[in-house]
Amino acid sequence: MDKNKSWQVYLLRCKNGALYCGISNNLPKRLRQHNGEIVGGAKYTRANAPCVLVYQESAKNRSAAAKRESEIKAMTRKDKLTLY
């Protein structure tokens, strides 16, 4: 794996209004997966596509990204909406 790729924590808004949080080191590809354009992505987001990127932040490594993802997932919807 390329050590120069930065990790991103992201928040998507799906067509049903739901918010989906995830991490990736290749966000453009991951968004295409979530929207069912290419193989992969979460079953939930593919079923509720199109999903729009509404928030992203960089993390120094995968571990930090996963920790921040966990923090965001624990937030209330109202708090998540304040991120963007």
N, C-alpha and C. Protein backbone atom coordinates (compact mmCIF):
# COMPACT_ATOMS: atom_id res chain seq x y z
N MET A 1 0.84 -1.19 0.00
CA MET A 1 0.00 0.00 0.00
C MET A 1 0.88 1.24 0.00
N ASP A 2 0.43 2.26 -0.66
CA ASP A 2 1.15 3.53 -0.74
C ASP A 2 1.03 4.28 0.58
N LYS A 3 2.15 4.45 1.27
CA LYS A 3 2.13 5.13 2.56
C LYS A 3 1.84 6.62 2.44
N ASN A 4 1.90 7.19 1.24
CA ASN A 4 1.64 8.61 1.05
C ASN A 4 0.16 8.94 0.91
N LYS A 5 -0.69 7.93 0.79
CA LYS A 5 -2.13 8.17 0.69
C LYS A 5 -2.66 8.57 2.06
N SER A 6 -3.35 9.68 2.11
CA SER A 6 -3.91 10.10 3.38
C SER A 6 -5.27 9.46 3.60
N TRP A 7 -5.59 9.22 4.82
CA TRP A 7 -6.88 8.65 5.18
C TRP A 7 -7.89 9.77 5.38
N GLN A 8 -9.11 9.52 4.96
CA GLN A 8 -10.19 10.48 5.08
C GLN A 8 -11.34 9.85 5.87
N VAL A 9 -11.95 10.66 6.72
CA VAL A 9 -13.20 10.29 7.38
C VAL A 9 -14.26 11.08 6.64
N TYR A 10 -15.34 10.43 6.25
CA TYR A 10 -16.33 11.14 5.44
C TYR A 10 -17.75 10.85 5.91
N LEU A 11 -18.63 11.75 5.53
CA LEU A 11 -20.04 11.64 5.85
C LEU A 11 -20.82 11.82 4.55
N LEU A 12 -21.70 10.87 4.28
CA LEU A 12 -22.54 10.92 3.09
C LEU A 12 -23.98 11.17 3.50
N ARG A 13 -24.72 11.86 2.65
CA ARG A 13 -26.17 11.98 2.82
C ARG A 13 -26.80 11.15 1.70
N CYS A 14 -27.56 10.15 2.06
CA CYS A 14 -28.19 9.27 1.08
C CYS A 14 -29.53 9.85 0.61
N LYS A 15 -30.07 9.30 -0.47
CA LYS A 15 -31.30 9.83 -1.05
C LYS A 15 -32.47 9.79 -0.07
N ASN A 16 -32.42 8.89 0.90
CA ASN A 16 -33.49 8.81 1.90
C ASN A 16 -33.25 9.76 3.08
N GLY A 17 -32.18 10.56 3.01
CA GLY A 17 -31.87 11.53 4.06
C GLY A 17 -30.97 11.00 5.16
N ALA A 18 -30.70 9.72 5.15
CA ALA A 18 -29.83 9.12 6.17
C ALA A 18 -28.39 9.60 5.99
N LEU A 19 -27.66 9.62 7.09
CA LEU A 19 -26.24 9.97 7.06
C LEU A 19 -25.42 8.71 7.26
N TYR A 20 -24.37 8.56 6.45
CA TYR A 20 -23.51 7.38 6.51
C TYR A 20 -22.08 7.86 6.70
N CYS A 21 -21.39 7.31 7.70
CA CYS A 21 -20.01 7.69 7.98
C CYS A 21 -19.08 6.53 7.64
N GLY A 22 -17.91 6.86 7.07
CA GLY A 22 -16.93 5.85 6.74
C GLY A 22 -15.54 6.43 6.64
N ILE A 23 -14.57 5.56 6.33
CA ILE A 23 -13.18 5.99 6.14
C ILE A 23 -12.66 5.40 4.83
N SER A 24 -11.68 6.08 4.25
CA SER A 24 -11.07 5.59 3.02
C SER A 24 -9.74 6.28 2.79
N ASN A 25 -8.86 5.61 2.04
CA ASN A 25 -7.64 6.26 1.60
C ASN A 25 -7.70 6.53 0.09
N ASN A 26 -8.89 6.32 -0.49
CA ASN A 26 -9.13 6.63 -1.89
C ASN A 26 -10.61 7.04 -2.00
N LEU A 27 -10.91 8.25 -1.57
CA LEU A 27 -12.29 8.70 -1.44
C LEU A 27 -13.05 8.73 -2.77
N PRO A 28 -12.47 9.23 -3.86
CA PRO A 28 -13.22 9.21 -5.12
C PRO A 28 -13.68 7.80 -5.52
N LYS A 29 -12.80 6.82 -5.37
CA LYS A 29 -13.16 5.44 -5.70
C LYS A 29 -14.24 4.94 -4.74
N ARG A 30 -14.08 5.24 -3.48
CA ARG A 30 -15.05 4.77 -2.47
C ARG A 30 -16.43 5.35 -2.73
N LEU A 31 -16.51 6.60 -3.12
CA LEU A 31 -17.81 7.21 -3.42
C LEU A 31 -18.47 6.52 -4.60
N ARG A 32 -17.69 6.17 -5.60
CA ARG A 32 -18.23 5.44 -6.76
C ARG A 32 -18.74 4.07 -6.33
N GLN A 33 -18.04 3.44 -5.39
CA GLN A 33 -18.50 2.15 -4.88
C GLN A 33 -19.83 2.32 -4.13
N HIS A 34 -19.90 3.31 -3.26
CA HIS A 34 -21.12 3.54 -2.49
C HIS A 34 -22.32 3.80 -3.39
N ASN A 35 -22.11 4.45 -4.51
CA ASN A 35 -23.21 4.77 -5.42
C ASN A 35 -23.47 3.67 -6.43
N GLY A 36 -22.78 2.54 -6.31
CA GLY A 36 -23.03 1.39 -7.16
C GLY A 36 -22.46 1.51 -8.56
N GLU A 37 -21.56 2.47 -8.78
CA GLU A 37 -20.95 2.64 -10.10
C GLU A 37 -19.89 1.58 -10.38
N ILE A 38 -19.21 1.14 -9.32
CA ILE A 38 -18.22 0.07 -9.43
C ILE A 38 -18.44 -0.90 -8.27
N VAL A 39 -17.87 -2.07 -8.37
CA VAL A 39 -18.05 -3.11 -7.36
C VAL A 39 -17.50 -2.66 -6.02
N GLY A 40 -18.21 -3.00 -4.96
CA GLY A 40 -17.80 -2.66 -3.60
C GLY A 40 -18.78 -1.68 -2.98
N GLY A 41 -18.43 -1.16 -1.84
CA GLY A 41 -19.30 -0.21 -1.16
C GLY A 41 -20.28 -0.94 -0.26
N ALA A 42 -20.85 -0.19 0.64
CA ALA A 42 -21.79 -0.76 1.59
C ALA A 42 -23.12 -1.05 0.91
N LYS A 43 -23.71 -2.17 1.25
CA LYS A 43 -25.00 -2.57 0.69
C LYS A 43 -26.04 -1.48 0.94
N TYR A 44 -26.01 -0.89 2.13
CA TYR A 44 -26.97 0.15 2.50
C TYR A 44 -26.89 1.36 1.56
N THR A 45 -25.68 1.83 1.31
CA THR A 45 -25.56 3.03 0.47
C THR A 45 -25.88 2.72 -0.98
N ARG A 46 -25.53 1.55 -1.45
CA ARG A 46 -25.89 1.18 -2.83
C ARG A 46 -27.40 1.15 -2.99
N ALA A 47 -28.10 0.67 -1.96
CA ALA A 47 -29.57 0.59 -2.01
C ALA A 47 -30.22 1.96 -1.87
N ASN A 48 -29.50 2.92 -1.31
CA ASN A 48 -30.06 4.26 -1.08
C ASN A 48 -29.30 5.33 -1.84
N ALA A 49 -28.70 4.93 -2.97
CA ALA A 49 -27.98 5.88 -3.82
C ALA A 49 -29.00 6.72 -4.58
N PRO A 50 -28.65 7.90 -4.99
CA PRO A 50 -27.29 8.44 -4.90
C PRO A 50 -26.99 9.00 -3.51
N CYS A 51 -25.73 8.86 -3.13
CA CYS A 51 -25.23 9.41 -1.88
C CYS A 51 -24.30 10.56 -2.23
N VAL A 52 -24.44 11.64 -1.49
CA VAL A 52 -23.66 12.85 -1.74
C VAL A 52 -22.70 13.09 -0.58
N LEU A 53 -21.45 13.38 -0.91
CA LEU A 53 -20.46 13.70 0.11
C LEU A 53 -20.80 15.05 0.72
N VAL A 54 -21.01 15.08 2.04
CA VAL A 54 -21.35 16.34 2.71
C VAL A 54 -20.27 16.81 3.67
N TYR A 55 -19.35 15.90 4.03
CA TYR A 55 -18.29 16.28 4.98
C TYR A 55 -17.13 15.32 4.83
N GLN A 56 -15.92 15.85 4.98
CA GLN A 56 -14.72 15.01 5.02
C GLN A 56 -13.66 15.71 5.85
N GLU A 57 -12.82 14.89 6.47
CA GLU A 57 -11.68 15.43 7.21
C GLU A 57 -10.53 14.43 7.08
N SER A 58 -9.32 14.93 7.10
CA SER A 58 -8.13 14.10 6.98
C SER A 58 -7.74 13.52 8.33
N ALA A 59 -7.12 12.36 8.28
CA ALA A 59 -6.57 11.72 9.48
C ALA A 59 -5.14 11.30 9.16
N LYS A 60 -4.29 11.25 10.19
CA LYS A 60 -2.87 10.97 9.94
C LYS A 60 -2.60 9.52 9.55
N ASN A 61 -3.50 8.60 9.96
CA ASN A 61 -3.33 7.19 9.60
C ASN A 61 -4.66 6.47 9.74
N ARG A 62 -4.66 5.18 9.40
CA ARG A 62 -5.91 4.42 9.43
C ARG A 62 -6.48 4.34 10.84
N SER A 63 -5.62 4.16 11.81
CA SER A 63 -6.06 4.05 13.19
C SER A 63 -6.76 5.32 13.66
N ALA A 64 -6.19 6.47 13.35
CA ALA A 64 -6.79 7.75 13.73
C ALA A 64 -8.12 7.95 13.00
N ALA A 65 -8.17 7.54 11.74
CA ALA A 65 -9.41 7.66 10.96
C ALA A 65 -10.51 6.79 11.57
N ALA A 66 -10.17 5.57 11.94
CA ALA A 66 -11.16 4.66 12.53
C ALA A 66 -11.66 5.18 13.87
N LYS A 67 -10.77 5.78 14.65
CA LYS A 67 -11.17 6.34 15.94
C LYS A 67 -12.14 7.50 15.73
N ARG A 68 -11.83 8.38 14.78
CA ARG A 68 -12.71 9.52 14.50
C ARG A 68 -14.04 9.05 13.92
N GLU A 69 -14.01 8.03 13.07
CA GLU A 69 -15.25 7.46 12.52
C GLU A 69 -16.14 6.99 13.66
N SER A 70 -15.55 6.31 14.62
CA SER A 70 -16.31 5.82 15.77
C SER A 70 -16.92 6.97 16.55
N GLU A 71 -16.16 8.04 16.73
CA GLU A 71 -16.67 9.22 17.44
C GLU A 71 -17.86 9.83 16.71
N ILE A 72 -17.74 9.95 15.40
CA ILE A 72 -18.83 10.55 14.60
C ILE A 72 -20.06 9.66 14.63
N LYS A 73 -19.88 8.35 14.52
CA LYS A 73 -21.01 7.43 14.55
C LYS A 73 -21.75 7.49 15.89
N ALA A 74 -21.05 7.84 16.96
CA ALA A 74 -21.67 7.93 18.28
C ALA A 74 -22.44 9.25 18.47
N MET A 75 -22.24 10.21 17.57
CA MET A 75 -22.93 11.50 17.67
C MET A 75 -24.41 11.36 17.33
N THR A 76 -25.18 12.29 17.84
CA THR A 76 -26.58 12.36 17.45
C THR A 76 -26.65 12.90 16.02
N ARG A 77 -27.77 12.69 15.38
CA ARG A 77 -27.96 13.21 14.03
C ARG A 77 -27.78 14.74 14.02
N LYS A 78 -28.33 15.38 15.03
CA LYS A 78 -28.23 16.85 15.13
C LYS A 78 -26.77 17.28 15.17
N ASP A 79 -25.96 16.59 15.95
CA ASP A 79 -24.53 16.93 16.04
C ASP A 79 -23.80 16.65 14.72
N LYS A 80 -24.18 15.56 14.05
CA LYS A 80 -23.57 15.25 12.75
C LYS A 80 -23.87 16.36 11.74
N LEU A 81 -25.09 16.88 11.78
CA LEU A 81 -25.48 17.93 10.85
C LEU A 81 -24.68 19.21 11.06
N THR A 82 -24.15 19.43 12.27
CA THR A 82 -23.35 20.63 12.52
C THR A 82 -21.95 20.53 11.92
N LEU A 83 -21.56 19.33 11.50
CA LEU A 83 -20.24 19.16 10.91
C LEU A 83 -20.14 19.84 9.53
N TYR A 84 -21.28 19.98 8.85
CA TYR A 84 -21.25 20.59 7.52
C TYR A 84 -22.22 21.72 7.38
